[in-house]
């Protein structure tokens, strides 16, 4: 799902409405939507604030999770919080080929810890 915070303090209602249409279209076809909250993408401003490597950023993700849960609670029964966190950590913090584009074992470990904390 790409419906991230448009800025640290706001959500894109346009994006939420887009995904509501997608979800309702799937349901109309007899399919059960499976919603993933983090699938390798983050809002552009998130890595500029050190992304997952900064513990205080967990609150932004939790705000997003709450917003999505509230927005889709009637339409979606199956959720995945974070898709393949180790793939994200490896590509974003070890190889540096995905945003945030760092090559830092220290930041990779911080990011993994923070993702795990956000999940719990």
PDB file of N, CA and C in Angstrom:
ATOM      1  N   UNK A   1       0.845  -1.173   0.000  1.00  0.00           N
ATOM      2  CA  UNK A   1       0.000   0.000   0.000  1.00  0.00           C
ATOM      3  C   UNK A   1       0.893   1.239   0.000  1.00  0.00           C
ATOM      4  N   UNK A   2       0.588   2.184  -0.827  1.00  0.00           N
ATOM      5  CA  UNK A   2       1.388   3.388  -0.982  1.00  0.00           C
ATOM      6  C   UNK A   2       0.762   4.560  -0.224  1.00  0.00           C
ATOM      7  N   UNK A   3      -0.264   4.329   0.529  1.00  0.00           N
ATOM      8  CA  UNK A   3      -1.003   5.396   1.204  1.00  0.00           C
ATOM      9  C   UNK A   3      -0.275   5.841   2.467  1.00  0.00           C
ATOM     10  N   UNK A   4       0.883   6.393   2.325  1.00  0.00           N
ATOM     11  CA  UNK A   4       1.649   6.846   3.480  1.00  0.00           C
ATOM     12  C   UNK A   4       1.245   8.258   3.859  1.00  0.00           C
ATOM     13  N   UNK A   5       1.779   8.687   4.973  1.00  0.00           N
ATOM     14  CA  UNK A   5       1.587  10.075   5.364  1.00  0.00           C
ATOM     15  C   UNK A   5       2.091  10.975   4.247  1.00  0.00           C
ATOM     16  N   UNK A   6       1.301  11.945   3.869  1.00  0.00           N
ATOM     17  CA  UNK A   6       1.714  12.899   2.841  1.00  0.00           C
ATOM     18  C   UNK A   6       2.818  13.789   3.389  1.00  0.00           C
ATOM     19  N   UNK A   7       2.776  14.039   4.676  1.00  0.00           N
ATOM     20  CA  UNK A   7       3.811  14.758   5.406  1.00  0.00           C
ATOM     21  C   UNK A   7       3.802  14.167   6.806  1.00  0.00           C
ATOM     22  N   UNK A   8       4.740  14.535   7.646  1.00  0.00           N
ATOM     23  CA  UNK A   8       4.745  13.940   8.983  1.00  0.00           C
ATOM     24  C   UNK A   8       3.443  14.144   9.765  1.00  0.00           C
ATOM     25  N   UNK A   9       2.609  15.067   9.352  1.00  0.00           N
ATOM     26  CA  UNK A   9       1.397  15.333  10.129  1.00  0.00           C
ATOM     27  C   UNK A   9       0.100  15.201   9.334  1.00  0.00           C
ATOM     28  N   UNK A  10       0.146  14.654   8.108  1.00  0.00           N
ATOM     29  CA  UNK A  10      -1.087  14.537   7.328  1.00  0.00           C
ATOM     30  C   UNK A  10      -1.093  13.273   6.479  1.00  0.00           C
ATOM     31  N   UNK A  11      -2.285  12.869   6.065  1.00  0.00           N
ATOM     32  CA  UNK A  11      -2.474  11.706   5.213  1.00  0.00           C
ATOM     33  C   UNK A  11      -3.049  12.146   3.883  1.00  0.00           C
ATOM     34  N   UNK A  12      -2.813  11.381   2.854  1.00  0.00           N
ATOM     35  CA  UNK A  12      -3.376  11.654   1.544  1.00  0.00           C
ATOM     36  C   UNK A  12      -4.737  10.966   1.453  1.00  0.00           C
ATOM     37  N   UNK A  13      -5.792  11.731   1.628  1.00  0.00           N
ATOM     38  CA  UNK A  13      -7.142  11.177   1.521  1.00  0.00           C
ATOM     39  C   UNK A  13      -7.409  10.687   0.097  1.00  0.00           C
ATOM     40  N   UNK A  14      -6.794  11.334  -0.883  1.00  0.00           N
ATOM     41  CA  UNK A  14      -6.932  10.896  -2.272  1.00  0.00           C
ATOM     42  C   UNK A  14      -6.385   9.477  -2.444  1.00  0.00           C
ATOM     43  N   UNK A  15      -5.234   9.201  -1.852  1.00  0.00           N
ATOM     44  CA  UNK A  15      -4.643   7.863  -1.944  1.00  0.00           C
ATOM     45  C   UNK A  15      -5.492   6.845  -1.184  1.00  0.00           C
ATOM     46  N   UNK A  16      -5.988   7.222  -0.014  1.00  0.00           N
ATOM     47  CA  UNK A  16      -6.851   6.315   0.756  1.00  0.00           C
ATOM     48  C   UNK A  16      -8.101   5.970  -0.054  1.00  0.00           C
ATOM     49  N   UNK A  17      -8.701   6.968  -0.674  1.00  0.00           N
ATOM     50  CA  UNK A  17      -9.889   6.721  -1.499  1.00  0.00           C
ATOM     51  C   UNK A  17      -9.572   5.828  -2.692  1.00  0.00           C
ATOM     52  N   UNK A  18      -8.390   6.003  -3.286  1.00  0.00           N
ATOM     53  CA  UNK A  18      -7.967   5.132  -4.387  1.00  0.00           C
ATOM     54  C   UNK A  18      -7.923   3.676  -3.924  1.00  0.00           C
ATOM     55  N   UNK A  19      -7.286   3.440  -2.792  1.00  0.00           N
ATOM     56  CA  UNK A  19      -7.174   2.067  -2.295  1.00  0.00           C
ATOM     57  C   UNK A  19      -8.517   1.527  -1.808  1.00  0.00           C
ATOM     58  N   UNK A  20      -9.385   2.386  -1.327  1.00  0.00           N
ATOM     59  CA  UNK A  20     -10.728   1.939  -0.960  1.00  0.00           C
ATOM     60  C   UNK A  20     -11.442   1.420  -2.213  1.00  0.00           C
ATOM     61  N   UNK A  21     -11.274   2.119  -3.328  1.00  0.00           N
ATOM     62  CA  UNK A  21     -11.859   1.669  -4.596  1.00  0.00           C
ATOM     63  C   UNK A  21     -11.270   0.315  -5.004  1.00  0.00           C
ATOM     64  N   UNK A  22      -9.962   0.167  -4.870  1.00  0.00           N
ATOM     65  CA  UNK A  22      -9.311  -1.110  -5.205  1.00  0.00           C
ATOM     66  C   UNK A  22      -9.862  -2.228  -4.322  1.00  0.00           C
ATOM     67  N   UNK A  23      -9.900  -1.983  -3.023  1.00  0.00           N
ATOM     68  CA  UNK A  23     -10.393  -2.987  -2.074  1.00  0.00           C
ATOM     69  C   UNK A  23     -11.840  -3.357  -2.381  1.00  0.00           C
ATOM     70  N   UNK A  24     -12.674  -2.366  -2.599  1.00  0.00           N
ATOM     71  CA  UNK A  24     -14.086  -2.644  -2.879  1.00  0.00           C
ATOM     72  C   UNK A  24     -14.282  -3.350  -4.222  1.00  0.00           C
ATOM     73  N   UNK A  25     -13.427  -3.044  -5.192  1.00  0.00           N
ATOM     74  CA  UNK A  25     -13.484  -3.748  -6.480  1.00  0.00           C
ATOM     75  C   UNK A  25     -13.139  -5.221  -6.281  1.00  0.00           C
ATOM     76  N   UNK A  26     -12.104  -5.491  -5.507  1.00  0.00           N
ATOM     77  CA  UNK A  26     -11.730  -6.880  -5.214  1.00  0.00           C
ATOM     78  C   UNK A  26     -12.867  -7.616  -4.522  1.00  0.00           C
ATOM     79  N   UNK A  27     -13.433  -6.969  -3.511  1.00  0.00           N
ATOM     80  CA  UNK A  27     -14.549  -7.590  -2.775  1.00  0.00           C
ATOM     81  C   UNK A  27     -15.742  -7.837  -3.699  1.00  0.00           C
ATOM     82  N   UNK A  28     -15.986  -6.904  -4.603  1.00  0.00           N
ATOM     83  CA  UNK A  28     -17.077  -7.060  -5.558  1.00  0.00           C
ATOM     84  C   UNK A  28     -16.872  -8.237  -6.511  1.00  0.00           C
ATOM     85  N   UNK A  29     -15.614  -8.629  -6.677  1.00  0.00           N
ATOM     86  CA  UNK A  29     -15.280  -9.767  -7.539  1.00  0.00           C
ATOM     87  C   UNK A  29     -15.235 -11.074  -6.739  1.00  0.00           C
ATOM     88  N   UNK A  30     -15.597 -10.978  -5.451  1.00  0.00           N
ATOM     89  CA  UNK A  30     -15.596 -12.172  -4.611  1.00  0.00           C
ATOM     90  C   UNK A  30     -14.246 -12.501  -4.000  1.00  0.00           C
ATOM     91  N   UNK A  31     -13.286 -11.589  -4.104  1.00  0.00           N
ATOM     92  CA  UNK A  31     -11.958 -11.799  -3.531  1.00  0.00           C
ATOM     93  C   UNK A  31     -11.881 -11.162  -2.153  1.00  0.00           C
ATOM     94  N   UNK A  32     -11.011 -11.723  -1.315  1.00  0.00           N
ATOM     95  CA  UNK A  32     -10.799 -11.173   0.022  1.00  0.00           C
ATOM     96  C   UNK A  32      -9.470 -10.416   0.024  1.00  0.00           C
ATOM     97  N   UNK A  33      -9.510  -9.102   0.174  1.00  0.00           N
ATOM     98  CA  UNK A  33      -8.270  -8.307   0.162  1.00  0.00           C
ATOM     99  C   UNK A  33      -7.357  -8.665   1.337  1.00  0.00           C
ATOM    100  N   UNK A  34      -6.073  -8.647   1.072  1.00  0.00           N
ATOM    101  CA  UNK A  34      -5.017  -8.876   2.064  1.00  0.00           C
ATOM    102  C   UNK A  34      -4.175  -7.614   2.047  1.00  0.00           C
ATOM    103  N   UNK A  35      -4.242  -6.821   3.082  1.00  0.00           N
ATOM    104  CA  UNK A  35      -3.625  -5.499   3.075  1.00  0.00           C
ATOM    105  C   UNK A  35      -2.260  -5.523   3.769  1.00  0.00           C
ATOM    106  N   UNK A  36      -1.226  -5.086   3.066  1.00  0.00           N
ATOM    107  CA  UNK A  36       0.125  -4.989   3.613  1.00  0.00           C
ATOM    108  C   UNK A  36       0.415  -3.525   3.925  1.00  0.00           C
ATOM    109  N   UNK A  37       0.816  -3.252   5.159  1.00  0.00           N
ATOM    110  CA  UNK A  37       1.025  -1.875   5.590  1.00  0.00           C
ATOM    111  C   UNK A  37       2.397  -1.314   5.205  1.00  0.00           C
ATOM    112  N   UNK A  38       3.419  -2.144   5.199  1.00  0.00           N
ATOM    113  CA  UNK A  38       4.743  -1.689   4.747  1.00  0.00           C
ATOM    114  C   UNK A  38       5.295  -2.719   3.780  1.00  0.00           C
ATOM    115  N   UNK A  39       5.390  -2.344   2.521  1.00  0.00           N
ATOM    116  CA  UNK A  39       5.905  -3.247   1.488  1.00  0.00           C
ATOM    117  C   UNK A  39       7.031  -2.547   0.736  1.00  0.00           C
ATOM    118  N   UNK A  40       8.113  -2.285   1.465  1.00  0.00           N
ATOM    119  CA  UNK A  40       9.352  -1.698   0.936  1.00  0.00           C
ATOM    120  C   UNK A  40       9.273  -0.212   0.618  1.00  0.00           C
ATOM    121  N   UNK A  41       8.142   0.424   0.783  1.00  0.00           N
ATOM    122  CA  UNK A  41       8.061   1.840   0.443  1.00  0.00           C
ATOM    123  C   UNK A  41       7.843   2.700   1.680  1.00  0.00           C
ATOM    124  N   UNK A  42       8.313   3.916   1.602  1.00  0.00           N
ATOM    125  CA  UNK A  42       8.145   4.919   2.651  1.00  0.00           C
ATOM    126  C   UNK A  42       7.867   6.257   1.986  1.00  0.00           C
ATOM    127  N   UNK A  43       7.235   7.160   2.723  1.00  0.00           N
ATOM    128  CA  UNK A  43       7.072   8.499   2.154  1.00  0.00           C
ATOM    129  C   UNK A  43       8.441   9.146   1.940  1.00  0.00           C
ATOM    130  N   UNK A  44       8.537  10.040   0.986  1.00  0.00           N
ATOM    131  CA  UNK A  44       9.812  10.671   0.628  1.00  0.00           C
ATOM    132  C   UNK A  44      10.475  11.336   1.827  1.00  0.00           C
ATOM    133  N   UNK A  45       9.685  11.963   2.686  1.00  0.00           N
ATOM    134  CA  UNK A  45      10.251  12.682   3.828  1.00  0.00           C
ATOM    135  C   UNK A  45      10.798  11.741   4.904  1.00  0.00           C
ATOM    136  N   UNK A  46      10.372  10.462   4.922  1.00  0.00           N
ATOM    137  CA  UNK A  46      10.755   9.539   5.992  1.00  0.00           C
ATOM    138  C   UNK A  46      12.262   9.273   6.043  1.00  0.00           C
ATOM    139  N   UNK A  47      12.922   8.914   4.935  1.00  0.00           N
ATOM    140  CA  UNK A  47      14.371   8.709   5.017  1.00  0.00           C
ATOM    141  C   UNK A  47      15.153   9.994   5.291  1.00  0.00           C
ATOM    142  N   UNK A  48      14.569  11.128   4.938  1.00  0.00           N
ATOM    143  CA  UNK A  48      15.238  12.398   5.251  1.00  0.00           C
ATOM    144  C   UNK A  48      15.305  12.633   6.754  1.00  0.00           C
ATOM    145  N   UNK A  49      14.445  11.939   7.501  1.00  0.00           N
ATOM    146  CA  UNK A  49      14.435  12.000   8.965  1.00  0.00           C
ATOM    147  C   UNK A  49      15.081  10.746   9.544  1.00  0.00           C
ATOM    148  N   UNK A  50      15.987  10.136   8.804  1.00  0.00           N
ATOM    149  CA  UNK A  50      16.717   8.922   9.171  1.00  0.00           C
ATOM    150  C   UNK A  50      15.867   7.659   9.151  1.00  0.00           C
ATOM    151  N   UNK A  51      14.668   7.731   8.617  1.00  0.00           N
ATOM    152  CA  UNK A  51      13.836   6.554   8.399  1.00  0.00           C
ATOM    153  C   UNK A  51      13.739   5.632   9.598  1.00  0.00           C
ATOM    154  N   UNK A  52      13.828   4.349   9.301  1.00  0.00           N
ATOM    155  CA  UNK A  52      13.698   3.332  10.347  1.00  0.00           C
ATOM    156  C   UNK A  52      14.871   3.320  11.311  1.00  0.00           C
ATOM    157  N   UNK A  53      15.963   3.972  10.982  1.00  0.00           N
ATOM    158  CA  UNK A  53      17.129   3.989  11.868  1.00  0.00           C
ATOM    159  C   UNK A  53      16.920   4.902  13.084  1.00  0.00           C
ATOM    160  N   UNK A  54      15.886   5.721  13.062  1.00  0.00           N
ATOM    161  CA  UNK A  54      15.605   6.630  14.185  1.00  0.00           C
ATOM    162  C   UNK A  54      14.368   6.132  14.946  1.00  0.00           C
ATOM    163  N   UNK A  55      14.565   5.827  16.215  1.00  0.00           N
ATOM    164  CA  UNK A  55      13.482   5.263  17.037  1.00  0.00           C
ATOM    165  C   UNK A  55      12.263   6.179  17.113  1.00  0.00           C
ATOM    166  N   UNK A  56      12.469   7.468  17.131  1.00  0.00           N
ATOM    167  CA  UNK A  56      11.328   8.386  17.239  1.00  0.00           C
ATOM    168  C   UNK A  56      10.413   8.331  16.016  1.00  0.00           C
ATOM    169  N   UNK A  57      10.897   7.776  14.902  1.00  0.00           N
ATOM    170  CA  UNK A  57      10.079   7.659  13.702  1.00  0.00           C
ATOM    171  C   UNK A  57       9.059   6.523  13.782  1.00  0.00           C
ATOM    172  N   UNK A  58       9.203   5.664  14.767  1.00  0.00           N
ATOM    173  CA  UNK A  58       8.224   4.591  14.954  1.00  0.00           C
ATOM    174  C   UNK A  58       6.836   5.196  15.108  1.00  0.00           C
ATOM    175  N   UNK A  59       6.746   6.317  15.796  1.00  0.00           N
ATOM    176  CA  UNK A  59       5.444   6.955  16.016  1.00  0.00           C
ATOM    177  C   UNK A  59       4.754   7.339  14.713  1.00  0.00           C
ATOM    178  N   UNK A  60       5.520   7.738  13.697  1.00  0.00           N
ATOM    179  CA  UNK A  60       4.922   8.065  12.403  1.00  0.00           C
ATOM    180  C   UNK A  60       4.290   6.814  11.782  1.00  0.00           C
ATOM    181  N   UNK A  61       5.012   5.696  11.860  1.00  0.00           N
ATOM    182  CA  UNK A  61       4.481   4.457  11.302  1.00  0.00           C
ATOM    183  C   UNK A  61       3.237   4.008  12.073  1.00  0.00           C
ATOM    184  N   UNK A  62       3.276   4.102  13.389  1.00  0.00           N
ATOM    185  CA  UNK A  62       2.124   3.703  14.190  1.00  0.00           C
ATOM    186  C   UNK A  62       0.911   4.575  13.889  1.00  0.00           C
ATOM    187  N   UNK A  63       1.140   5.845  13.632  1.00  0.00           N
ATOM    188  CA  UNK A  63       0.054   6.737  13.238  1.00  0.00           C
ATOM    189  C   UNK A  63      -0.551   6.282  11.913  1.00  0.00           C
ATOM    190  N   UNK A  64       0.306   5.895  10.989  1.00  0.00           N
ATOM    191  CA  UNK A  64      -0.135   5.371   9.697  1.00  0.00           C
ATOM    192  C   UNK A  64      -0.940   4.089   9.882  1.00  0.00           C
ATOM    193  N   UNK A  65      -0.436   3.179  10.723  1.00  0.00           N
ATOM    194  CA  UNK A  65      -1.126   1.910  10.974  1.00  0.00           C
ATOM    195  C   UNK A  65      -2.525   2.171  11.533  1.00  0.00           C
ATOM    196  N   UNK A  66      -2.616   3.060  12.503  1.00  0.00           N
ATOM    197  CA  UNK A  66      -3.916   3.382  13.100  1.00  0.00           C
ATOM    198  C   UNK A  66      -4.871   3.975  12.064  1.00  0.00           C
ATOM    199  N   UNK A  67      -4.360   4.858  11.231  1.00  0.00           N
ATOM    200  CA  UNK A  67      -5.189   5.477  10.203  1.00  0.00           C
ATOM    201  C   UNK A  67      -5.707   4.432   9.217  1.00  0.00           C
ATOM    202  N   UNK A  68      -4.830   3.524   8.787  1.00  0.00           N
ATOM    203  CA  UNK A  68      -5.246   2.497   7.835  1.00  0.00           C
ATOM    204  C   UNK A  68      -6.226   1.517   8.483  1.00  0.00           C
ATOM    205  N   UNK A  69      -5.976   1.135   9.719  1.00  0.00           N
ATOM    206  CA  UNK A  69      -6.886   0.220  10.422  1.00  0.00           C
ATOM    207  C   UNK A  69      -8.270   0.845  10.543  1.00  0.00           C
ATOM    208  N   UNK A  70      -8.303   2.103  10.888  1.00  0.00           N
ATOM    209  CA  UNK A  70      -9.586   2.808  10.999  1.00  0.00           C
ATOM    210  C   UNK A  70     -10.254   2.952   9.619  1.00  0.00           C
ATOM    211  N   UNK A  71      -9.462   3.261   8.609  1.00  0.00           N
ATOM    212  CA  UNK A  71     -10.002   3.505   7.271  1.00  0.00           C
ATOM    213  C   UNK A  71     -10.534   2.242   6.600  1.00  0.00           C
ATOM    214  N   UNK A  72      -9.937   1.076   6.909  1.00  0.00           N
ATOM    215  CA  UNK A  72     -10.280  -0.149   6.189  1.00  0.00           C
ATOM    216  C   UNK A  72     -10.815  -1.268   7.083  1.00  0.00           C
ATOM    217  N   UNK A  73     -11.167  -0.951   8.315  1.00  0.00           N
ATOM    218  CA  UNK A  73     -11.589  -2.004   9.247  1.00  0.00           C
ATOM    219  C   UNK A  73     -12.828  -2.757   8.789  1.00  0.00           C
ATOM    220  N   UNK A  74     -13.691  -2.129   8.033  1.00  0.00           N
ATOM    221  CA  UNK A  74     -14.911  -2.795   7.570  1.00  0.00           C
ATOM    222  C   UNK A  74     -14.685  -3.626   6.310  1.00  0.00           C
ATOM    223  N   UNK A  75     -13.662  -3.275   5.536  1.00  0.00           N
ATOM    224  CA  UNK A  75     -13.443  -3.933   4.246  1.00  0.00           C
ATOM    225  C   UNK A  75     -12.369  -5.004   4.249  1.00  0.00           C
ATOM    226  N   UNK A  76     -11.453  -4.951   5.226  1.00  0.00           N
ATOM    227  CA  UNK A  76     -10.289  -5.843   5.203  1.00  0.00           C
ATOM    228  C   UNK A  76     -10.219  -6.626   6.516  1.00  0.00           C
ATOM    229  N   UNK A  77     -10.074  -7.950   6.383  1.00  0.00           N
ATOM    230  CA  UNK A  77      -9.949  -8.812   7.557  1.00  0.00           C
ATOM    231  C   UNK A  77      -8.538  -9.352   7.752  1.00  0.00           C
ATOM    232  N   UNK A  78      -7.732  -9.373   6.683  1.00  0.00           N
ATOM    233  CA  UNK A  78      -6.398  -9.965   6.743  1.00  0.00           C
ATOM    234  C   UNK A  78      -5.354  -8.888   6.480  1.00  0.00           C
ATOM    235  N   UNK A  79      -4.403  -8.766   7.406  1.00  0.00           N
ATOM    236  CA  UNK A  79      -3.399  -7.701   7.354  1.00  0.00           C
ATOM    237  C   UNK A  79      -2.001  -8.274   7.540  1.00  0.00           C
ATOM    238  N   UNK A  80      -1.033  -7.660   6.886  1.00  0.00           N
ATOM    239  CA  UNK A  80       0.383  -7.928   7.122  1.00  0.00           C
ATOM    240  C   UNK A  80       0.999  -6.596   7.497  1.00  0.00           C
ATOM    241  N   UNK A  81       1.675  -6.544   8.636  1.00  0.00           N
ATOM    242  CA  UNK A  81       2.217  -5.268   9.106  1.00  0.00           C
ATOM    243  C   UNK A  81       3.428  -4.857   8.283  1.00  0.00           C
ATOM    244  N   UNK A  82       4.446  -5.712   8.237  1.00  0.00           N
ATOM    245  CA  UNK A  82       5.686  -5.384   7.511  1.00  0.00           C
ATOM    246  C   UNK A  82       6.076  -6.585   6.655  1.00  0.00           C
ATOM    247  N   UNK A  83       6.145  -6.386   5.359  1.00  0.00           N
ATOM    248  CA  UNK A  83       6.540  -7.434   4.430  1.00  0.00           C
ATOM    249  C   UNK A  83       8.063  -7.582   4.409  1.00  0.00           C
ATOM    250  N   UNK A  84       8.538  -8.783   4.612  1.00  0.00           N
ATOM    251  CA  UNK A  84       9.961  -9.127   4.496  1.00  0.00           C
ATOM    252  C   UNK A  84      10.903  -8.043   5.025  1.00  0.00           C
ATOM    253  N   UNK A  85      10.881  -7.795   6.320  1.00  0.00           N
ATOM    254  CA  UNK A  85      11.731  -6.732   6.861  1.00  0.00           C
ATOM    255  C   UNK A  85      13.229  -6.946   6.605  1.00  0.00           C
ATOM    256  N   UNK A  86      13.678  -8.187   6.587  1.00  0.00           N
ATOM    257  CA  UNK A  86      15.108  -8.423   6.346  1.00  0.00           C
ATOM    258  C   UNK A  86      15.509  -8.086   4.913  1.00  0.00           C
ATOM    259  N   UNK A  87      14.627  -8.286   3.958  1.00  0.00           N
ATOM    260  CA  UNK A  87      14.904  -7.905   2.573  1.00  0.00           C
ATOM    261  C   UNK A  87      15.040  -6.385   2.490  1.00  0.00           C
ATOM    262  N   UNK A  88      14.128  -5.681   3.164  1.00  0.00           N
ATOM    263  CA  UNK A  88      14.188  -4.220   3.193  1.00  0.00           C
ATOM    264  C   UNK A  88      15.491  -3.737   3.855  1.00  0.00           C
ATOM    265  N   UNK A  89      15.827  -4.309   5.001  1.00  0.00           N
ATOM    266  CA  UNK A  89      17.050  -3.918   5.722  1.00  0.00           C
ATOM    267  C   UNK A  89      18.280  -4.185   4.866  1.00  0.00           C
ATOM    268  N   UNK A  90      18.340  -5.348   4.249  1.00  0.00           N
ATOM    269  CA  UNK A  90      19.494  -5.701   3.432  1.00  0.00           C
ATOM    270  C   UNK A  90      19.672  -4.735   2.262  1.00  0.00           C
ATOM    271  N   UNK A  91      18.609  -4.491   1.520  1.00  0.00           N
ATOM    272  CA  UNK A  91      18.717  -3.641   0.334  1.00  0.00           C
ATOM    273  C   UNK A  91      18.847  -2.156   0.673  1.00  0.00           C
ATOM    274  N   UNK A  92      18.251  -1.728   1.771  1.00  0.00           N
ATOM    275  CA  UNK A  92      18.284  -0.308   2.125  1.00  0.00           C
ATOM    276  C   UNK A  92      19.471   0.106   2.972  1.00  0.00           C
ATOM    277  N   UNK A  93      19.990  -0.835   3.798  1.00  0.00           N
ATOM    278  CA  UNK A  93      21.030  -0.462   4.763  1.00  0.00           C
ATOM    279  C   UNK A  93      22.341  -1.246   4.641  1.00  0.00           C
ATOM    280  N   UNK A  94      22.309  -2.377   3.986  1.00  0.00           N
ATOM    281  CA  UNK A  94      23.548  -3.155   3.810  1.00  0.00           C
ATOM    282  C   UNK A  94      24.112  -2.921   2.407  1.00  0.00           C
ATOM    283  N   UNK A  95      23.299  -3.215   1.389  1.00  0.00           N
ATOM    284  CA  UNK A  95      23.720  -2.983   0.005  1.00  0.00           C
ATOM    285  C   UNK A  95      23.555  -1.519  -0.394  1.00  0.00           C
ATOM    286  N   UNK A  96      22.588  -0.863   0.184  1.00  0.00           N
ATOM    287  CA  UNK A  96      22.343   0.552  -0.119  1.00  0.00           C
ATOM    288  C   UNK A  96      21.751   0.812  -1.490  1.00  0.00           C
ATOM    289  N   UNK A  97      21.062  -0.173  -2.057  1.00  0.00           N
ATOM    290  CA  UNK A  97      20.489  -0.008  -3.394  1.00  0.00           C
ATOM    291  C   UNK A  97      19.036   0.458  -3.366  1.00  0.00           C
ATOM    292  N   UNK A  98      18.404   0.420  -2.215  1.00  0.00           N
ATOM    293  CA  UNK A  98      17.051   0.947  -2.013  1.00  0.00           C
ATOM    294  C   UNK A  98      17.142   2.106  -1.036  1.00  0.00           C
ATOM    295  N   UNK A  99      16.181   2.997  -1.057  1.00  0.00           N
ATOM    296  CA  UNK A  99      16.179   4.046  -0.037  1.00  0.00           C
ATOM    297  C   UNK A  99      16.143   3.414   1.362  1.00  0.00           C
ATOM    298  N   UNK A 100      16.895   3.918   2.262  1.00  0.00           N
ATOM    299  CA  UNK A 100      17.555   5.214   2.258  1.00  0.00           C
ATOM    300  C   UNK A 100      18.911   5.227   1.568  1.00  0.00           C
ATOM    301  N   UNK A 101      19.335   4.107   0.977  1.00  0.00           N
ATOM    302  CA  UNK A 101      20.571   4.088   0.208  1.00  0.00           C
ATOM    303  C   UNK A 101      21.828   4.184   1.050  1.00  0.00           C
ATOM    304  N   UNK A 102      21.792   3.592   2.227  1.00  0.00           N
ATOM    305  CA  UNK A 102      22.961   3.630   3.119  1.00  0.00           C
ATOM    306  C   UNK A 102      23.663   2.282   3.094  1.00  0.00           C
ATOM    307  N   UNK A 103      24.907   2.321   3.441  1.00  0.00           N
ATOM    308  CA  UNK A 103      25.663   1.086   3.643  1.00  0.00           C
ATOM    309  C   UNK A 103      26.254   1.170   5.036  1.00  0.00           C
ATOM    310  N   UNK A 104      25.429   0.792   6.000  1.00  0.00           N
ATOM    311  CA  UNK A 104      25.830   0.928   7.401  1.00  0.00           C
ATOM    312  C   UNK A 104      25.229  -0.208   8.217  1.00  0.00           C
ATOM    313  N   UNK A 105      26.093  -1.072   8.718  1.00  0.00           N
ATOM    314  CA  UNK A 105      25.622  -2.159   9.565  1.00  0.00           C
ATOM    315  C   UNK A 105      24.981  -1.601  10.834  1.00  0.00           C
ATOM    316  N   UNK A 106      25.560  -0.551  11.363  1.00  0.00           N
ATOM    317  CA  UNK A 106      25.008   0.075  12.562  1.00  0.00           C
ATOM    318  C   UNK A 106      23.566   0.562  12.323  1.00  0.00           C
ATOM    319  N   UNK A 107      23.351   1.278  11.225  1.00  0.00           N
ATOM    320  CA  UNK A 107      21.998   1.751  10.906  1.00  0.00           C
ATOM    321  C   UNK A 107      21.072   0.585  10.569  1.00  0.00           C
ATOM    322  N   UNK A 108      21.613  -0.448   9.934  1.00  0.00           N
ATOM    323  CA  UNK A 108      20.801  -1.630   9.618  1.00  0.00           C
ATOM    324  C   UNK A 108      20.273  -2.262  10.901  1.00  0.00           C
ATOM    325  N   UNK A 109      21.119  -2.384  11.902  1.00  0.00           N
ATOM    326  CA  UNK A 109      20.697  -2.974  13.173  1.00  0.00           C
ATOM    327  C   UNK A 109      19.693  -2.080  13.895  1.00  0.00           C
ATOM    328  N   UNK A 110      19.914  -0.770  13.840  1.00  0.00           N
ATOM    329  CA  UNK A 110      18.947   0.162  14.439  1.00  0.00           C
ATOM    330  C   UNK A 110      17.594   0.045  13.733  1.00  0.00           C
ATOM    331  N   UNK A 111      17.628   0.027  12.405  1.00  0.00           N
ATOM    332  CA  UNK A 111      16.399  -0.046  11.624  1.00  0.00           C
ATOM    333  C   UNK A 111      15.648  -1.353  11.912  1.00  0.00           C
ATOM    334  N   UNK A 112      16.372  -2.452  11.981  1.00  0.00           N
ATOM    335  CA  UNK A 112      15.735  -3.728  12.272  1.00  0.00           C
ATOM    336  C   UNK A 112      15.091  -3.711  13.656  1.00  0.00           C
ATOM    337  N   UNK A 113      15.810  -3.200  14.630  1.00  0.00           N
ATOM    338  CA  UNK A 113      15.267  -3.095  15.996  1.00  0.00           C
ATOM    339  C   UNK A 113      13.994  -2.245  15.998  1.00  0.00           C
ATOM    340  N   UNK A 114      14.032  -1.126  15.297  1.00  0.00           N
ATOM    341  CA  UNK A 114      12.873  -0.234  15.272  1.00  0.00           C
ATOM    342  C   UNK A 114      11.687  -0.834  14.525  1.00  0.00           C
ATOM    343  N   UNK A 115      11.964  -1.560  13.442  1.00  0.00           N
ATOM    344  CA  UNK A 115      10.881  -2.233  12.731  1.00  0.00           C
ATOM    345  C   UNK A 115      10.236  -3.294  13.625  1.00  0.00           C
ATOM    346  N   UNK A 116      11.072  -4.012  14.350  1.00  0.00           N
ATOM    347  CA  UNK A 116      10.549  -5.042  15.259  1.00  0.00           C
ATOM    348  C   UNK A 116       9.715  -4.385  16.369  1.00  0.00           C
ATOM    349  N   UNK A 117      10.188  -3.294  16.896  1.00  0.00           N
ATOM    350  CA  UNK A 117       9.434  -2.588  17.925  1.00  0.00           C
ATOM    351  C   UNK A 117       8.107  -2.062  17.386  1.00  0.00           C
ATOM    352  N   UNK A 118       8.120  -1.520  16.188  1.00  0.00           N
ATOM    353  CA  UNK A 118       6.886  -1.012  15.578  1.00  0.00           C
ATOM    354  C   UNK A 118       5.894  -2.153  15.360  1.00  0.00           C
ATOM    355  N   UNK A 119       6.403  -3.315  15.038  1.00  0.00           N
ATOM    356  CA  UNK A 119       5.544  -4.468  14.803  1.00  0.00           C
ATOM    357  C   UNK A 119       4.870  -4.949  16.073  1.00  0.00           C
ATOM    358  N   UNK A 120       5.606  -4.884  17.148  1.00  0.00           N
ATOM    359  CA  UNK A 120       5.074  -5.388  18.429  1.00  0.00           C
ATOM    360  C   UNK A 120       4.133  -4.394  19.038  1.00  0.00           C
TER     361      UNK A 120
END
